[in-house]
Amino acid sequence: PELLACAVVAWAACSGAPAIPAPAGSRAQYAALEARTVRIVTACAD
């Protein structure tokens, strides 16, 4: 997450768009949020 945030900030700076600061919070906090986020797989006829 911290690398992704840095990439977003770098892109914004180069493009002239307002820079988005890195998300606040510790690495442990964001690891917990990622762990709560799940992928839902669906199996359908199509």
PDB file of all heavy atoms in Angstrom:
ATOM      1  N   PRO A   1       0.799  -1.231   0.000  1.00  0.00           N
ATOM      2  CA  PRO A   1       0.000   0.000   0.000  1.00  0.00           C
ATOM      3  C   PRO A   1       0.820   1.263   0.000  1.00  0.00           C
ATOM      4  O   PRO A   1       0.503   2.224  -0.693  1.00  0.00           O
ATOM      5  CB  PRO A   1      -0.847  -0.138   1.272  1.00  0.00           C
ATOM      6  CG  PRO A   1      -0.926  -1.607   1.522  1.00  0.00           C
ATOM      7  CD  PRO A   1       0.379  -2.166   1.044  1.00  0.00           C
ATOM      8  N   GLU A   2       1.924   1.262   0.792  1.00  0.00           N
ATOM      9  CA  GLU A   2       2.701   2.492   0.874  1.00  0.00           C
ATOM     10  C   GLU A   2       3.403   2.798  -0.442  1.00  0.00           C
ATOM     11  O   GLU A   2       3.575   3.945  -0.829  1.00  0.00           O
ATOM     12  CB  GLU A   2       3.718   2.420   2.024  1.00  0.00           C
ATOM     13  CG  GLU A   2       4.735   1.272   1.893  1.00  0.00           C
ATOM     14  CD  GLU A   2       4.258   0.010   2.576  1.00  0.00           C
ATOM     15  OE1 GLU A   2       3.049  -0.179   2.691  1.00  0.00           O
ATOM     16  OE2 GLU A   2       5.121  -0.779   3.009  1.00  0.00           O
ATOM     17  N   LEU A   3       3.800   1.736  -1.191  1.00  0.00           N
ATOM     18  CA  LEU A   3       4.429   1.957  -2.481  1.00  0.00           C
ATOM     19  C   LEU A   3       3.425   2.438  -3.505  1.00  0.00           C
ATOM     20  O   LEU A   3       3.722   3.285  -4.339  1.00  0.00           O
ATOM     21  CB  LEU A   3       5.104   0.657  -2.956  1.00  0.00           C
ATOM     22  CG  LEU A   3       6.278   0.170  -2.105  1.00  0.00           C
ATOM     23  CD1 LEU A   3       6.869  -1.094  -2.715  1.00  0.00           C
ATOM     24  CD2 LEU A   3       7.349   1.245  -1.981  1.00  0.00           C
ATOM     25  N   LEU A   4       2.206   1.854  -3.453  1.00  0.00           N
ATOM     26  CA  LEU A   4       1.154   2.287  -4.371  1.00  0.00           C
ATOM     27  C   LEU A   4       0.825   3.751  -4.144  1.00  0.00           C
ATOM     28  O   LEU A   4       0.668   4.526  -5.087  1.00  0.00           O
ATOM     29  CB  LEU A   4      -0.092   1.427  -4.175  1.00  0.00           C
ATOM     30  CG  LEU A   4      -1.308   1.827  -5.005  1.00  0.00           C
ATOM     31  CD1 LEU A   4      -0.993   1.707  -6.487  1.00  0.00           C
ATOM     32  CD2 LEU A   4      -2.506   0.971  -4.641  1.00  0.00           C
ATOM     33  N   ALA A   5       0.716   4.139  -2.882  1.00  0.00           N
ATOM     34  CA  ALA A   5       0.397   5.530  -2.572  1.00  0.00           C
ATOM     35  C   ALA A   5       1.482   6.465  -3.098  1.00  0.00           C
ATOM     36  O   ALA A   5       1.198   7.526  -3.648  1.00  0.00           O
ATOM     37  CB  ALA A   5       0.228   5.702  -1.058  1.00  0.00           C
ATOM     38  N   CYS A   6       2.759   6.044  -2.949  1.00  0.00           N
ATOM     39  CA  CYS A   6       3.849   6.873  -3.448  1.00  0.00           C
ATOM     40  C   CYS A   6       3.786   7.008  -4.961  1.00  0.00           C
ATOM     41  O   CYS A   6       4.066   8.065  -5.517  1.00  0.00           O
ATOM     42  CB  CYS A   6       5.196   6.263  -3.043  1.00  0.00           C
ATOM     43  SG  CYS A   6       5.538   6.382  -1.265  1.00  0.00           S
ATOM     44  N   ALA A   7       3.418   5.912  -5.641  1.00  0.00           N
ATOM     45  CA  ALA A   7       3.301   5.957  -7.097  1.00  0.00           C
ATOM     46  C   ALA A   7       2.212   6.927  -7.521  1.00  0.00           C
ATOM     47  O   ALA A   7       2.370   7.666  -8.494  1.00  0.00           O
ATOM     48  CB  ALA A   7       3.008   4.555  -7.636  1.00  0.00           C
ATOM     49  N   VAL A   8       1.082   6.926  -6.789  1.00  0.00           N
ATOM     50  CA  VAL A   8      -0.002   7.845  -7.103  1.00  0.00           C
ATOM     51  C   VAL A   8       0.440   9.283  -6.920  1.00  0.00           C
ATOM     52  O   VAL A   8       0.167  10.150  -7.737  1.00  0.00           O
ATOM     53  CB  VAL A   8      -1.234   7.550  -6.225  1.00  0.00           C
ATOM     54  CG1 VAL A   8      -2.297   8.615  -6.420  1.00  0.00           C
ATOM     55  CG2 VAL A   8      -1.790   6.180  -6.554  1.00  0.00           C
ATOM     56  N   VAL A   9       1.166   9.552  -5.835  1.00  0.00           N
ATOM     57  CA  VAL A   9       1.646  10.907  -5.575  1.00  0.00           C
ATOM     58  C   VAL A   9       2.612  11.343  -6.664  1.00  0.00           C
ATOM     59  O   VAL A   9       2.564  12.476  -7.160  1.00  0.00           O
ATOM     60  CB  VAL A   9       2.316  10.980  -4.190  1.00  0.00           C
ATOM     61  CG1 VAL A   9       2.982  12.332  -3.995  1.00  0.00           C
ATOM     62  CG2 VAL A   9       1.285  10.748  -3.099  1.00  0.00           C
ATOM     63  N   ALA A  10       3.505  10.428  -7.079  1.00  0.00           N
ATOM     64  CA  ALA A  10       4.474  10.766  -8.113  1.00  0.00           C
ATOM     65  C   ALA A  10       3.784  11.075  -9.426  1.00  0.00           C
ATOM     66  O   ALA A  10       4.134  12.020 -10.131  1.00  0.00           O
ATOM     67  CB  ALA A  10       5.466   9.607  -8.290  1.00  0.00           C
ATOM     68  N   TRP A  11       2.782  10.271  -9.799  1.00  0.00           N
ATOM     69  CA  TRP A  11       2.034  10.524 -11.029  1.00  0.00           C
ATOM     70  C   TRP A  11       1.356  11.883 -10.984  1.00  0.00           C
ATOM     71  O   TRP A  11       1.378  12.644 -11.950  1.00  0.00           O
ATOM     72  CB  TRP A  11       0.988   9.437 -11.238  1.00  0.00           C
ATOM     73  CG  TRP A  11       0.054   9.772 -12.361  1.00  0.00           C
ATOM     74  CD1 TRP A  11       0.218   9.531 -13.690  1.00  0.00           C
ATOM     75  CD2 TRP A  11      -1.212  10.447 -12.249  1.00  0.00           C
ATOM     76  NE1 TRP A  11      -0.844  10.015 -14.404  1.00  0.00           N
ATOM     77  CE2 TRP A  11      -1.728  10.579 -13.559  1.00  0.00           C
ATOM     78  CE3 TRP A  11      -1.944  10.957 -11.163  1.00  0.00           C
ATOM     79  CZ2 TRP A  11      -2.947  11.183 -13.803  1.00  0.00           C
ATOM     80  CZ3 TRP A  11      -3.142  11.557 -11.424  1.00  0.00           C
ATOM     81  CH2 TRP A  11      -3.643  11.665 -12.722  1.00  0.00           C
ATOM     82  N   ALA A  12       0.745  12.201  -9.851  1.00  0.00           N
ATOM     83  CA  ALA A  12       0.031  13.470  -9.731  1.00  0.00           C
ATOM     84  C   ALA A  12       0.989  14.643  -9.887  1.00  0.00           C
ATOM     85  O   ALA A  12       0.676  15.645 -10.528  1.00  0.00           O
ATOM     86  CB  ALA A  12      -0.694  13.539  -8.387  1.00  0.00           C
ATOM     87  N   ALA A  13       2.169  14.505  -9.299  1.00  0.00           N
ATOM     88  CA  ALA A  13       3.132  15.590  -9.376  1.00  0.00           C
ATOM     89  C   ALA A  13       3.574  15.816 -10.819  1.00  0.00           C
ATOM     90  O   ALA A  13       3.731  16.943 -11.277  1.00  0.00           O
ATOM     91  CB  ALA A  13       4.342  15.274  -8.493  1.00  0.00           C
ATOM     92  N   CYS A  14       3.777  14.713 -11.579  1.00  0.00           N
ATOM     93  CA  CYS A  14       4.225  14.830 -12.956  1.00  0.00           C
ATOM     94  C   CYS A  14       3.122  15.333 -13.868  1.00  0.00           C
ATOM     95  O   CYS A  14       3.384  15.995 -14.862  1.00  0.00           O
ATOM     96  CB  CYS A  14       4.732  13.472 -13.448  1.00  0.00           C
ATOM     97  SG  CYS A  14       6.236  12.925 -12.596  1.00  0.00           S
ATOM     98  N   SER A  15       1.875  14.990 -13.569  1.00  0.00           N
ATOM     99  CA  SER A  15       0.775  15.342 -14.450  1.00  0.00           C
ATOM    100  C   SER A  15       0.199  16.715 -14.174  1.00  0.00           C
ATOM    101  O   SER A  15      -0.615  17.210 -14.937  1.00  0.00           O
ATOM    102  CB  SER A  15      -0.358  14.310 -14.298  1.00  0.00           C
ATOM    103  OG  SER A  15      -0.912  14.391 -13.002  1.00  0.00           O
ATOM    104  N   GLY A  16       0.603  17.319 -13.060  1.00  0.00           N
ATOM    105  CA  GLY A  16       0.059  18.615 -12.712  1.00  0.00           C
ATOM    106  C   GLY A  16      -1.209  18.526 -11.898  1.00  0.00           C
ATOM    107  O   GLY A  16      -1.777  19.537 -11.521  1.00  0.00           O
ATOM    108  N   ALA A  17      -1.696  17.288 -11.619  1.00  0.00           N
ATOM    109  CA  ALA A  17      -2.897  17.111 -10.808  1.00  0.00           C
ATOM    110  C   ALA A  17      -2.546  17.307  -9.345  1.00  0.00           C
ATOM    111  O   ALA A  17      -1.393  17.156  -8.942  1.00  0.00           O
ATOM    112  CB  ALA A  17      -3.469  15.704 -11.025  1.00  0.00           C
ATOM    113  N   PRO A  18      -3.531  17.677  -8.503  1.00  0.00           N
ATOM    114  CA  PRO A  18      -3.257  17.828  -7.073  1.00  0.00           C
ATOM    115  C   PRO A  18      -2.745  16.520  -6.495  1.00  0.00           C
ATOM    116  O   PRO A  18      -3.281  15.450  -6.774  1.00  0.00           O
ATOM    117  CB  PRO A  18      -4.638  18.179  -6.497  1.00  0.00           C
ATOM    118  CG  PRO A  18      -5.418  18.694  -7.656  1.00  0.00           C
ATOM    119  CD  PRO A  18      -4.920  17.957  -8.850  1.00  0.00           C
ATOM    120  N   ALA A  19      -1.687  16.575  -5.733  1.00  0.00           N
ATOM    121  CA  ALA A  19      -1.088  15.375  -5.158  1.00  0.00           C
ATOM    122  C   ALA A  19      -1.996  14.787  -4.084  1.00  0.00           C
ATOM    123  O   ALA A  19      -2.558  15.510  -3.266  1.00  0.00           O
ATOM    124  CB  ALA A  19       0.282  15.705  -4.566  1.00  0.00           C
ATOM    125  N   ILE A  20      -2.146  13.467  -4.109  1.00  0.00           N
ATOM    126  CA  ILE A  20      -2.911  12.767  -3.081  1.00  0.00           C
ATOM    127  C   ILE A  20      -1.927  12.241  -2.051  1.00  0.00           C
ATOM    128  O   ILE A  20      -1.034  11.464  -2.388  1.00  0.00           O
ATOM    129  CB  ILE A  20      -3.710  11.596  -3.678  1.00  0.00           C
ATOM    130  CG1 ILE A  20      -4.710  12.128  -4.710  1.00  0.00           C
ATOM    131  CG2 ILE A  20      -4.426  10.811  -2.601  1.00  0.00           C
ATOM    132  CD1 ILE A  20      -5.463  11.049  -5.431  1.00  0.00           C
ATOM    133  N   PRO A  21      -2.020  12.645  -0.807  1.00  0.00           N
ATOM    134  CA  PRO A  21      -1.076  12.164   0.198  1.00  0.00           C
ATOM    135  C   PRO A  21      -1.245  10.689   0.454  1.00  0.00           C
ATOM    136  O   PRO A  21      -2.297  10.113   0.208  1.00  0.00           O
ATOM    137  CB  PRO A  21      -1.442  12.997   1.445  1.00  0.00           C
ATOM    138  CG  PRO A  21      -2.877  13.362   1.231  1.00  0.00           C
ATOM    139  CD  PRO A  21      -3.029  13.544  -0.255  1.00  0.00           C
ATOM    140  N   ALA A  22      -0.181  10.063   0.945  1.00  0.00           N
ATOM    141  CA  ALA A  22      -0.261   8.649   1.300  1.00  0.00           C
ATOM    142  C   ALA A  22      -1.300   8.461   2.391  1.00  0.00           C
ATOM    143  O   ALA A  22      -1.468   9.324   3.258  1.00  0.00           O
ATOM    144  CB  ALA A  22       1.097   8.157   1.788  1.00  0.00           C
ATOM    145  N   PRO A  23      -2.045   7.330   2.361  1.00  0.00           N
ATOM    146  CA  PRO A  23      -3.043   7.090   3.403  1.00  0.00           C
ATOM    147  C   PRO A  23      -2.413   7.092   4.784  1.00  0.00           C
ATOM    148  O   PRO A  23      -1.295   6.616   4.973  1.00  0.00           O
ATOM    149  CB  PRO A  23      -3.593   5.696   3.042  1.00  0.00           C
ATOM    150  CG  PRO A  23      -3.258   5.505   1.606  1.00  0.00           C
ATOM    151  CD  PRO A  23      -1.981   6.250   1.388  1.00  0.00           C
ATOM    152  N   ALA A  24      -3.151   7.647   5.749  1.00  0.00           N
ATOM    153  CA  ALA A  24      -2.655   7.635   7.117  1.00  0.00           C
ATOM    154  C   ALA A  24      -2.838   6.246   7.704  1.00  0.00           C
ATOM    155  O   ALA A  24      -3.589   5.435   7.200  1.00  0.00           O
ATOM    156  CB  ALA A  24      -3.423   8.665   7.961  1.00  0.00           C
ATOM    157  N   GLY A  25      -2.144   5.971   8.808  1.00  0.00           N
ATOM    158  CA  GLY A  25      -2.310   4.677   9.465  1.00  0.00           C
ATOM    159  C   GLY A  25      -1.043   3.849   9.389  1.00  0.00           C
ATOM    160  O   GLY A  25      -0.195   4.029   8.524  1.00  0.00           O
ATOM    161  N   SER A  26      -0.907   2.924  10.308  1.00  0.00           N
ATOM    162  CA  SER A  26       0.269   2.087  10.376  1.00  0.00           C
ATOM    163  C   SER A  26       0.174   0.950   9.370  1.00  0.00           C
ATOM    164  O   SER A  26      -0.884   0.648   8.831  1.00  0.00           O
ATOM    165  CB  SER A  26       0.408   1.510  11.781  1.00  0.00           C
ATOM    166  OG  SER A  26      -0.665   0.620  12.040  1.00  0.00           O
ATOM    167  N   ARG A  27       1.323   0.300   9.128  1.00  0.00           N
ATOM    168  CA  ARG A  27       1.328  -0.857   8.243  1.00  0.00           C
ATOM    169  C   ARG A  27       0.435  -1.952   8.798  1.00  0.00           C
ATOM    170  O   ARG A  27      -0.276  -2.624   8.044  1.00  0.00           O
ATOM    171  CB  ARG A  27       2.753  -1.371   8.071  1.00  0.00           C
ATOM    172  CG  ARG A  27       2.849  -2.613   7.196  1.00  0.00           C
ATOM    173  CD  ARG A  27       4.273  -3.073   7.002  1.00  0.00           C
ATOM    174  NE  ARG A  27       5.078  -2.061   6.332  1.00  0.00           N
ATOM    175  CZ  ARG A  27       6.361  -2.249   6.008  1.00  0.00           C
ATOM    176  NH1 ARG A  27       6.960  -3.379   6.303  1.00  0.00           N
ATOM    177  NH2 ARG A  27       7.038  -1.294   5.397  1.00  0.00           N
ATOM    178  N   ALA A  28       0.437  -2.132  10.116  1.00  0.00           N
ATOM    179  CA  ALA A  28      -0.402  -3.156  10.736  1.00  0.00           C
ATOM    180  C   ALA A  28      -1.882  -2.858  10.510  1.00  0.00           C
ATOM    181  O   ALA A  28      -2.680  -3.771  10.264  1.00  0.00           O
ATOM    182  CB  ALA A  28      -0.101  -3.248  12.231  1.00  0.00           C
ATOM    183  N   GLN A  29      -2.257  -1.573  10.590  1.00  0.00           N
ATOM    184  CA  GLN A  29      -3.656  -1.205  10.382  1.00  0.00           C
ATOM    185  C   GLN A  29      -4.091  -1.539   8.968  1.00  0.00           C
ATOM    186  O   GLN A  29      -5.148  -2.126   8.753  1.00  0.00           O
ATOM    187  CB  GLN A  29      -3.860   0.286  10.644  1.00  0.00           C
ATOM    188  CG  GLN A  29      -5.310   0.734  10.423  1.00  0.00           C
ATOM    189  CD  GLN A  29      -5.460   2.248  10.479  1.00  0.00           C
ATOM    190  OE1 GLN A  29      -4.555   2.981  10.121  1.00  0.00           O
ATOM    191  NE2 GLN A  29      -6.607   2.709  10.936  1.00  0.00           N
ATOM    192  N   TYR A  30      -3.256  -1.198   8.001  1.00  0.00           N
ATOM    193  CA  TYR A  30      -3.636  -1.466   6.622  1.00  0.00           C
ATOM    194  C   TYR A  30      -3.594  -2.951   6.299  1.00  0.00           C
ATOM    195  O   TYR A  30      -4.371  -3.428   5.474  1.00  0.00           O
ATOM    196  CB  TYR A  30      -2.778  -0.646   5.654  1.00  0.00           C
ATOM    197  CG  TYR A  30      -3.369   0.722   5.493  1.00  0.00           C
ATOM    198  CD1 TYR A  30      -2.983   1.764   6.319  1.00  0.00           C
ATOM    199  CD2 TYR A  30      -4.369   0.956   4.572  1.00  0.00           C
ATOM    200  CE1 TYR A  30      -3.565   3.015   6.216  1.00  0.00           C
ATOM    201  CE2 TYR A  30      -4.965   2.204   4.456  1.00  0.00           C
ATOM    202  CZ  TYR A  30      -4.559   3.218   5.277  1.00  0.00           C
ATOM    203  OH  TYR A  30      -5.153   4.442   5.185  1.00  0.00           O
ATOM    204  N   ALA A  31      -2.722  -3.689   6.938  1.00  0.00           N
ATOM    205  CA  ALA A  31      -2.728  -5.138   6.756  1.00  0.00           C
ATOM    206  C   ALA A  31      -4.042  -5.728   7.254  1.00  0.00           C
ATOM    207  O   ALA A  31      -4.598  -6.648   6.646  1.00  0.00           O
ATOM    208  CB  ALA A  31      -1.548  -5.768   7.499  1.00  0.00           C
ATOM    209  N   ALA A  32      -4.554  -5.176   8.364  1.00  0.00           N
ATOM    210  CA  ALA A  32      -5.834  -5.654   8.901  1.00  0.00           C
ATOM    211  C   ALA A  32      -6.987  -5.315   7.960  1.00  0.00           C
ATOM    212  O   ALA A  32      -7.893  -6.129   7.765  1.00  0.00           O
ATOM    213  CB  ALA A  32      -6.079  -5.036  10.281  1.00  0.00           C
ATOM    214  N   LEU A  33      -6.949  -4.128   7.347  1.00  0.00           N
ATOM    215  CA  LEU A  33      -8.006  -3.748   6.410  1.00  0.00           C
ATOM    216  C   LEU A  33      -7.956  -4.612   5.151  1.00  0.00           C
ATOM    217  O   LEU A  33      -8.993  -5.015   4.622  1.00  0.00           O
ATOM    218  CB  LEU A  33      -7.864  -2.269   6.039  1.00  0.00           C
ATOM    219  CG  LEU A  33      -7.952  -1.270   7.193  1.00  0.00           C
ATOM    220  CD1 LEU A  33      -7.868   0.155   6.656  1.00  0.00           C
ATOM    221  CD2 LEU A  33      -9.209  -1.469   8.012  1.00  0.00           C
ATOM    222  N   GLU A  34      -6.756  -4.908   4.685  1.00  0.00           N
ATOM    223  CA  GLU A  34      -6.615  -5.781   3.526  1.00  0.00           C
ATOM    224  C   GLU A  34      -7.141  -7.182   3.836  1.00  0.00           C
ATOM    225  O   GLU A  34      -7.781  -7.813   2.987  1.00  0.00           O
ATOM    226  CB  GLU A  34      -5.150  -5.851   3.099  1.00  0.00           C
ATOM    227  CG  GLU A  34      -4.627  -4.560   2.485  1.00  0.00           C
ATOM    228  CD  GLU A  34      -3.144  -4.632   2.199  1.00  0.00           C
ATOM    229  OE1 GLU A  34      -2.530  -5.684   2.499  1.00  0.00           O
ATOM    230  OE2 GLU A  34      -2.592  -3.651   1.670  1.00  0.00           O
ATOM    231  N   ALA A  35      -6.857  -7.665   5.050  1.00  0.00           N
ATOM    232  CA  ALA A  35      -7.304  -9.004   5.427  1.00  0.00           C
ATOM    233  C   ALA A  35      -8.829  -9.083   5.474  1.00  0.00           C
ATOM    234  O   ALA A  35      -9.413 -10.135   5.205  1.00  0.00           O
ATOM    235  CB  ALA A  35      -6.715  -9.390   6.783  1.00  0.00           C
ATOM    236  N   ARG A  36      -9.479  -7.977   5.812  1.00  0.00           N
ATOM    237  CA  ARG A  36     -10.947  -7.941   5.855  1.00  0.00           C
ATOM    238  C   ARG A  36     -11.565  -7.874   4.460  1.00  0.00           C
ATOM    239  O   ARG A  36     -12.749  -8.136   4.297  1.00  0.00           O
ATOM    240  CB  ARG A  36     -11.421  -6.716   6.645  1.00  0.00           C
ATOM    241  CG  ARG A  36     -11.433  -6.899   8.149  1.00  0.00           C
ATOM    242  CD  ARG A  36     -12.115  -5.720   8.798  1.00  0.00           C
ATOM    243  NE  ARG A  36     -12.226  -5.867  10.229  1.00  0.00           N
ATOM    244  CZ  ARG A  36     -13.228  -6.451  10.855  1.00  0.00           C
ATOM    245  NH1 ARG A  36     -14.217  -6.983  10.151  1.00  0.00           N
ATOM    246  NH2 ARG A  36     -13.256  -6.527  12.166  1.00  0.00           N
ATOM    247  N   THR A  37     -10.785  -7.487   3.475  1.00  0.00           N
ATOM    248  CA  THR A  37     -11.294  -7.360   2.109  1.00  0.00           C
ATOM    249  C   THR A  37     -11.150  -8.702   1.405  1.00  0.00           C
ATOM    250  O   THR A  37     -10.061  -9.272   1.360  1.00  0.00           O
ATOM    251  CB  THR A  37     -10.518  -6.276   1.349  1.00  0.00           C
ATOM    252  OG1 THR A  37     -10.584  -5.040   2.089  1.00  0.00           O
ATOM    253  CG2 THR A  37     -11.094  -6.059  -0.033  1.00  0.00           C
ATOM    254  N   VAL A  38     -12.256  -9.209   0.860  1.00  0.00           N
ATOM    255  CA  VAL A  38     -12.256 -10.554   0.293  1.00  0.00           C
ATOM    256  C   VAL A  38     -12.644 -10.520  -1.184  1.00  0.00           C
ATOM    257  O   VAL A  38     -13.302  -9.587  -1.652  1.00  0.00           O
ATOM    258  CB  VAL A  38     -13.227 -11.484   1.052  1.00  0.00           C
ATOM    259  CG1 VAL A  38     -12.790 -11.638   2.498  1.00  0.00           C
ATOM    260  CG2 VAL A  38     -14.662 -10.954   0.988  1.00  0.00           C
ATOM    261  N   ARG A  39     -12.221 -11.551  -1.890  1.00  0.00           N
ATOM    262  CA  ARG A  39     -12.624 -11.744  -3.280  1.00  0.00           C
ATOM    263  C   ARG A  39     -13.780 -12.734  -3.304  1.00  0.00           C
ATOM    264  O   ARG A  39     -13.701 -13.807  -2.712  1.00  0.00           O
ATOM    265  CB  ARG A  39     -11.463 -12.263  -4.119  1.00  0.00           C
ATOM    266  CG  ARG A  39     -11.794 -12.409  -5.602  1.00  0.00           C
ATOM    267  CD  ARG A  39     -10.511 -12.521  -6.419  1.00  0.00           C
ATOM    268  NE  ARG A  39      -9.775 -13.721  -6.093  1.00  0.00           N
ATOM    269  CZ  ARG A  39      -9.756 -14.823  -6.847  1.00  0.00           C
ATOM    270  NH1 ARG A  39     -10.457 -14.877  -7.975  1.00  0.00           N
ATOM    271  NH2 ARG A  39      -9.042 -15.866  -6.503  1.00  0.00           N
ATOM    272  N   ILE A  40     -14.851 -12.371  -3.983  1.00  0.00           N
ATOM    273  CA  ILE A  40     -16.037 -13.220  -4.102  1.00  0.00           C
ATOM    274  C   ILE A  40     -16.037 -13.817  -5.500  1.00  0.00           C
ATOM    275  O   ILE A  40     -16.093 -13.096  -6.495  1.00  0.00           O
ATOM    276  CB  ILE A  40     -17.320 -12.408  -3.860  1.00  0.00           C
ATOM    277  CG1 ILE A  40     -17.284 -11.794  -2.453  1.00  0.00           C
ATOM    278  CG2 ILE A  40     -18.558 -13.276  -4.041  1.00  0.00           C
ATOM    279  CD1 ILE A  40     -18.361 -10.752  -2.224  1.00  0.00           C
ATOM    280  N   VAL A  41     -15.950 -15.137  -5.570  1.00  0.00           N
ATOM    281  CA  VAL A  41     -15.895 -15.840  -6.856  1.00  0.00           C
ATOM    282  C   VAL A  41     -17.282 -16.382  -7.177  1.00  0.00           C
ATOM    283  O   VAL A  41     -17.920 -17.010  -6.324  1.00  0.00           O
ATOM    284  CB  VAL A  41     -14.870 -16.983  -6.821  1.00  0.00           C
ATOM    285  CG1 VAL A  41     -14.843 -17.723  -8.156  1.00  0.00           C
ATOM    286  CG2 VAL A  41     -13.486 -16.441  -6.476  1.00  0.00           C
ATOM    287  N   THR A  42     -17.747 -16.144  -8.389  1.00  0.00           N
ATOM    288  CA  THR A  42     -19.061 -16.625  -8.806  1.00  0.00           C
ATOM    289  C   THR A  42     -18.912 -17.637  -9.938  1.00  0.00           C
ATOM    290  O   THR A  42     -18.047 -17.487 -10.816  1.00  0.00           O
ATOM    291  CB  THR A  42     -19.964 -15.470  -9.277  1.00  0.00           C
ATOM    292  OG1 THR A  42     -19.352 -14.814 -10.398  1.00  0.00           O
ATOM    293  CG2 THR A  42     -20.167 -14.468  -8.159  1.00  0.00           C
ATOM    294  N   ALA A  43     -19.729 -18.666  -9.895  1.00  0.00           N
ATOM    295  CA  ALA A  43     -19.776 -19.674 -10.954  1.00  0.00           C
ATOM    296  C   ALA A  43     -21.184 -19.664 -11.528  1.00  0.00           C
ATOM    297  O   ALA A  43     -22.144 -20.057 -10.852  1.00  0.00           O
ATOM    298  CB  ALA A  43     -19.422 -21.051 -10.407  1.00  0.00           C
ATOM    299  N   CYS A  44     -21.314 -19.192 -12.767  1.00  0.00           N
ATOM    300  CA  CYS A  44     -22.619 -19.027 -13.404  1.00  0.00           C
ATOM    301  C   CYS A  44     -22.672 -19.819 -14.712  1.00  0.00           C
ATOM    302  O   CYS A  44     -21.650 -20.277 -15.208  1.00  0.00           O
ATOM    303  CB  CYS A  44     -22.891 -17.553 -13.681  1.00  0.00           C
ATOM    304  SG  CYS A  44     -22.659 -16.466 -12.254  1.00  0.00           S
ATOM    305  N   ALA A  45     -23.857 -19.943 -15.261  1.00  0.00           N
ATOM    306  CA  ALA A  45     -24.033 -20.685 -16.501  1.00  0.00           C
ATOM    307  C   ALA A  45     -23.262 -20.054 -17.654  1.00  0.00           C
ATOM    308  O   ALA A  45     -22.792 -20.749 -18.560  1.00  0.00           O
ATOM    309  CB  ALA A  45     -25.516 -20.777 -16.841  1.00  0.00           C
ATOM    310  N   ASP A  46     -23.130 -18.726 -17.627  1.00  0.00           N
ATOM    311  CA  ASP A  46     -22.437 -18.049 -18.709  1.00  0.00           C
ATOM    312  C   ASP A  46     -20.957 -17.848 -18.426  1.00  0.00           C
ATOM    313  O   ASP A  46     -20.266 -17.121 -19.146  1.00  0.00           O
ATOM    314  CB  ASP A  46     -23.097 -16.704 -19.007  1.00  0.00           C
ATOM    315  CG  ASP A  46     -23.135 -15.786 -17.785  1.00  0.00           C
ATOM    316  OD1 ASP A  46     -22.786 -16.264 -16.676  1.00  0.00           O
ATOM    317  OD2 ASP A  46     -23.519 -14.623 -17.939  1.00  0.00           O
TER     318      ASP A  46
END
